[in-house]
Amino acid sequence: MPGVERADGDDEIVIVGRIAGLYGVKGWVKVFSHTDPRENILRYSPWLLHRGGRWHEVALREGRRQGKGLVARLDGCDDRDAATAWLGADVAIRRGQLPPPAEDEYYWADLVGLRVETTEGVDLGVVDHLVETGANDVLVVQGDRERLVPFTPGDAVLAVDLEAGRIEVDWDPDF
């Protein structure tokens, strides 16, 4: 899941997807979801949609799985032309809409921006984003160069300190 941003005002928001296309003629849109499972994006309403340099609150009327993807109908989108206005918009929710993570679990958005250091104190850089591989998630760390560090708590990842903004890893800096 991409990082945390601020909406208009001080509300902390989390980007959970994107309007990826149009579906039919009655205002439905195709949705690319960053949530796991992907259908979880349909549990949240309202959505914050980014357009014209600002966030707009839009209620989710309904949504469902369609083939291998998801489709949704938004308040105010009663035809294809209205839905076209949201094409490509990021979909976000307010942080308070998320359930708290379980102990020793983290939202990807919480990990983005954290400093990554080895057990010897070598600074590897900052988490730019994460990638899901199937076997485990991978931290994409940007520093003097890009490094891919498996997010495997107790193995490569020894500690995550959200308060300090730091992840300690057992990782060879030359790798």
Protein backbone atom coordinates (compact mmCIF):
# COMPACT_ATOMS: atom_id res chain seq x y z
CA MET A 1 0.00 0.00 0.00
CA PRO A 2 1.46 3.41 -0.91
CA GLY A 3 2.37 6.03 1.65
CA VAL A 4 0.51 8.33 3.96
CA GLU A 5 -0.29 11.89 2.89
CA ARG A 6 -2.23 14.80 4.29
CA ALA A 7 -5.53 15.79 2.75
CA ASP A 8 -6.87 19.33 2.90
CA GLY A 9 -6.46 20.22 6.55
CA ASP A 10 -4.71 17.85 8.93
CA ASP A 11 -6.48 14.58 8.10
CA GLU A 12 -3.96 11.84 7.53
CA ILE A 13 -4.93 9.75 4.53
CA VAL A 14 -3.74 6.47 3.07
CA ILE A 15 -3.82 5.76 -0.66
CA VAL A 16 -5.55 2.41 -1.13
CA GLY A 17 -6.04 2.24 -4.89
CA ARG A 18 -6.70 4.00 -8.17
CA ILE A 19 -9.56 4.44 -10.63
CA ALA A 20 -8.16 2.38 -13.49
CA GLY A 21 -10.87 2.43 -16.12
CA LEU A 22 -14.53 2.67 -17.02
CA TYR A 23 -17.05 -0.15 -16.83
CA GLY A 24 -20.27 0.04 -18.81
CA VAL A 25 -22.41 3.09 -19.46
CA LYS A 26 -24.08 3.56 -16.06
CA GLY A 27 -21.19 5.31 -14.30
CA TRP A 28 -19.28 2.30 -12.95
CA VAL A 29 -15.48 2.44 -12.75
CA LYS A 30 -12.78 -0.23 -12.68
CA VAL A 31 -10.71 -0.07 -9.51
CA PHE A 32 -7.10 -1.13 -8.96
CA SER A 33 -6.75 -1.95 -5.26
CA HIS A 34 -3.65 -1.84 -3.05
CA THR A 35 -5.49 -3.61 -0.21
CA ASP A 36 -5.02 -7.25 0.71
CA PRO A 37 -7.31 -8.90 -0.07
CA ARG A 38 -8.10 -6.53 -2.91
CA GLU A 39 -11.85 -6.54 -2.12
CA ASN A 40 -11.16 -4.76 1.20
CA ILE A 41 -11.12 -1.42 -0.63
CA LEU A 42 -14.88 -1.86 -1.08
CA ARG A 43 -15.40 -1.91 2.71
CA TYR A 44 -14.47 1.75 3.04
CA SER A 45 -16.66 4.74 2.38
CA PRO A 46 -16.31 7.57 1.78
CA TRP A 47 -13.36 7.52 -0.58
CA LEU A 48 -11.11 10.50 -1.14
CA LEU A 49 -10.37 10.91 -4.84
CA HIS A 50 -7.50 13.08 -6.06
CA ARG A 51 -8.29 15.37 -8.97
CA GLY A 52 -7.30 18.91 -9.89
CA GLY A 53 -4.61 19.05 -7.22
CA ARG A 54 -6.98 18.36 -4.34
CA TRP A 55 -8.86 15.56 -2.59
CA HIS A 56 -12.62 15.17 -3.07
CA GLU A 57 -14.81 13.11 -0.72
CA VAL A 58 -17.06 10.74 -2.66
CA ALA A 59 -19.37 8.09 -1.20
CA LEU A 60 -19.06 4.54 -2.52
CA ARG A 61 -22.56 3.42 -3.54
CA GLU A 62 -21.65 -0.18 -4.29
CA GLY A 63 -18.85 -2.36 -5.53
CA ARG A 64 -18.10 -5.93 -6.48
CA ARG A 65 -15.61 -8.30 -8.03
CA GLN A 66 -15.90 -8.36 -11.83
CA GLY A 67 -13.81 -11.04 -13.52
CA LYS A 68 -10.28 -10.71 -12.11
CA GLY A 69 -10.80 -7.09 -11.03
CA LEU A 70 -13.12 -4.83 -9.09
CA VAL A 71 -15.77 -2.37 -10.19
CA ALA A 72 -17.50 0.33 -8.17
CA ARG A 73 -20.26 2.87 -8.50
CA LEU A 74 -19.64 6.26 -6.90
CA ASP A 75 -22.10 8.84 -5.68
CA GLY A 76 -22.70 11.38 -8.43
CA CYS A 77 -21.56 9.03 -11.22
CA ASP A 78 -24.72 8.06 -13.02
CA ASP A 79 -23.30 7.78 -16.52
CA ARG A 80 -20.05 7.09 -18.34
CA ASP A 81 -19.29 10.81 -18.81
CA ALA A 82 -19.47 11.50 -15.06
CA ALA A 83 -17.25 8.48 -14.33
CA THR A 84 -14.69 9.64 -16.90
CA ALA A 85 -13.90 12.63 -14.68
CA TRP A 86 -12.40 10.26 -12.06
CA LEU A 87 -10.30 8.21 -14.50
CA GLY A 88 -6.75 7.85 -13.12
CA ALA A 89 -7.62 9.35 -9.73
CA ASP A 90 -5.90 7.97 -6.65
CA VAL A 91 -8.32 6.45 -4.13
CA ALA A 92 -7.57 7.17 -0.49
CA ILE A 93 -9.27 6.83 2.87
CA ARG A 94 -8.78 8.60 6.16
CA ARG A 95 -6.33 6.82 8.44
CA GLY A 96 -9.05 6.50 11.10
CA GLN A 97 -11.07 4.25 8.77
CA LEU A 98 -8.41 1.52 9.00
CA PRO A 99 -8.57 -1.02 11.80
CA PRO A 100 -5.49 -0.95 14.01
CA PRO A 101 -2.87 -3.48 12.89
CA ALA A 102 -2.28 -6.51 15.09
CA GLU A 103 0.82 -6.61 17.26
CA ASP A 104 3.96 -6.96 15.13
CA GLU A 105 1.99 -6.20 11.95
CA TYR A 106 2.37 -3.03 9.93
CA TYR A 107 0.57 -1.26 7.16
CA TRP A 108 2.85 -0.74 4.18
CA ALA A 109 2.04 2.96 4.39
CA ASP A 110 3.65 3.03 7.86
CA LEU A 111 6.91 1.56 6.55
CA VAL A 112 7.35 3.95 3.62
CA GLY A 113 9.75 6.72 4.56
CA LEU A 114 11.43 4.84 7.42
CA ARG A 115 15.26 4.79 7.55
CA VAL A 116 16.81 1.37 7.11
CA GLU A 117 20.01 0.59 9.03
CA THR A 118 22.07 -2.56 9.45
CA THR A 119 22.83 -4.05 12.85
CA GLU A 120 26.26 -2.38 12.54
CA GLY A 121 24.61 1.03 12.06
CA VAL A 122 25.23 1.34 8.30
CA ASP A 123 22.54 3.57 6.79
CA LEU A 124 21.08 1.85 3.70
CA GLY A 125 18.58 4.58 2.89
CA VAL A 126 14.83 5.07 3.13
CA VAL A 127 11.95 2.73 2.27
CA ASP A 128 10.56 4.06 -1.02
CA HIS A 129 7.85 1.43 -1.45
CA LEU A 130 7.19 -2.27 -1.00
CA VAL A 131 6.66 -5.07 -3.49
CA GLU A 132 4.62 -8.22 -2.97
CA THR A 133 6.43 -11.27 -4.35
CA GLY A 134 4.28 -14.16 -3.16
CA ALA A 135 6.95 -15.60 -0.87
CA ASN A 136 7.27 -12.40 1.18
CA ASP A 137 7.02 -8.65 0.85
CA VAL A 138 10.16 -6.75 -0.17
CA LEU A 139 11.30 -3.32 1.02
CA VAL A 140 12.58 -1.18 -1.85
CA VAL A 141 15.21 0.96 -0.14
CA GLN A 142 16.59 4.08 -1.85
CA GLY A 143 19.98 5.26 -0.64
CA ASP A 144 23.34 5.49 -2.38
CA ARG A 145 21.70 2.89 -4.63
CA GLU A 146 18.50 0.86 -4.69
CA ARG A 147 18.41 -2.22 -2.47
CA LEU A 148 15.74 -4.90 -2.22
CA VAL A 149 15.45 -6.21 1.34
CA PRO A 150 12.99 -9.01 2.15
CA PHE A 151 10.49 -7.94 4.81
CA THR A 152 10.95 -11.08 6.90
CA PRO A 153 10.60 -10.19 10.60
CA GLY A 154 12.99 -12.17 12.78
CA ASP A 155 15.23 -12.93 9.80
CA ALA A 156 16.29 -9.98 7.61
CA VAL A 157 14.17 -7.48 9.55
CA LEU A 158 15.17 -7.44 13.21
CA ALA A 159 13.22 -4.42 14.48
CA VAL A 160 10.71 -1.86 13.29
CA ASP A 161 10.51 1.31 15.38
CA LEU A 162 7.74 3.51 14.01
CA GLU A 163 8.31 6.16 16.70
CA ALA A 164 12.00 6.52 15.79
CA GLY A 165 11.28 6.14 12.06
CA ARG A 166 13.75 3.28 11.74
CA ILE A 167 14.02 -0.34 10.61
CA GLU A 168 16.97 -2.44 11.76
CA VAL A 169 18.01 -5.16 9.32
CA ASP A 170 20.50 -8.00 9.21
CA TRP A 171 21.62 -7.25 5.66
CA ASP A 172 24.95 -7.01 3.89
CA PRO A 173 25.32 -3.38 2.69
CA ASP A 174 27.24 -4.63 -0.38
CA PHE A 175 24.28 -6.75 -1.49
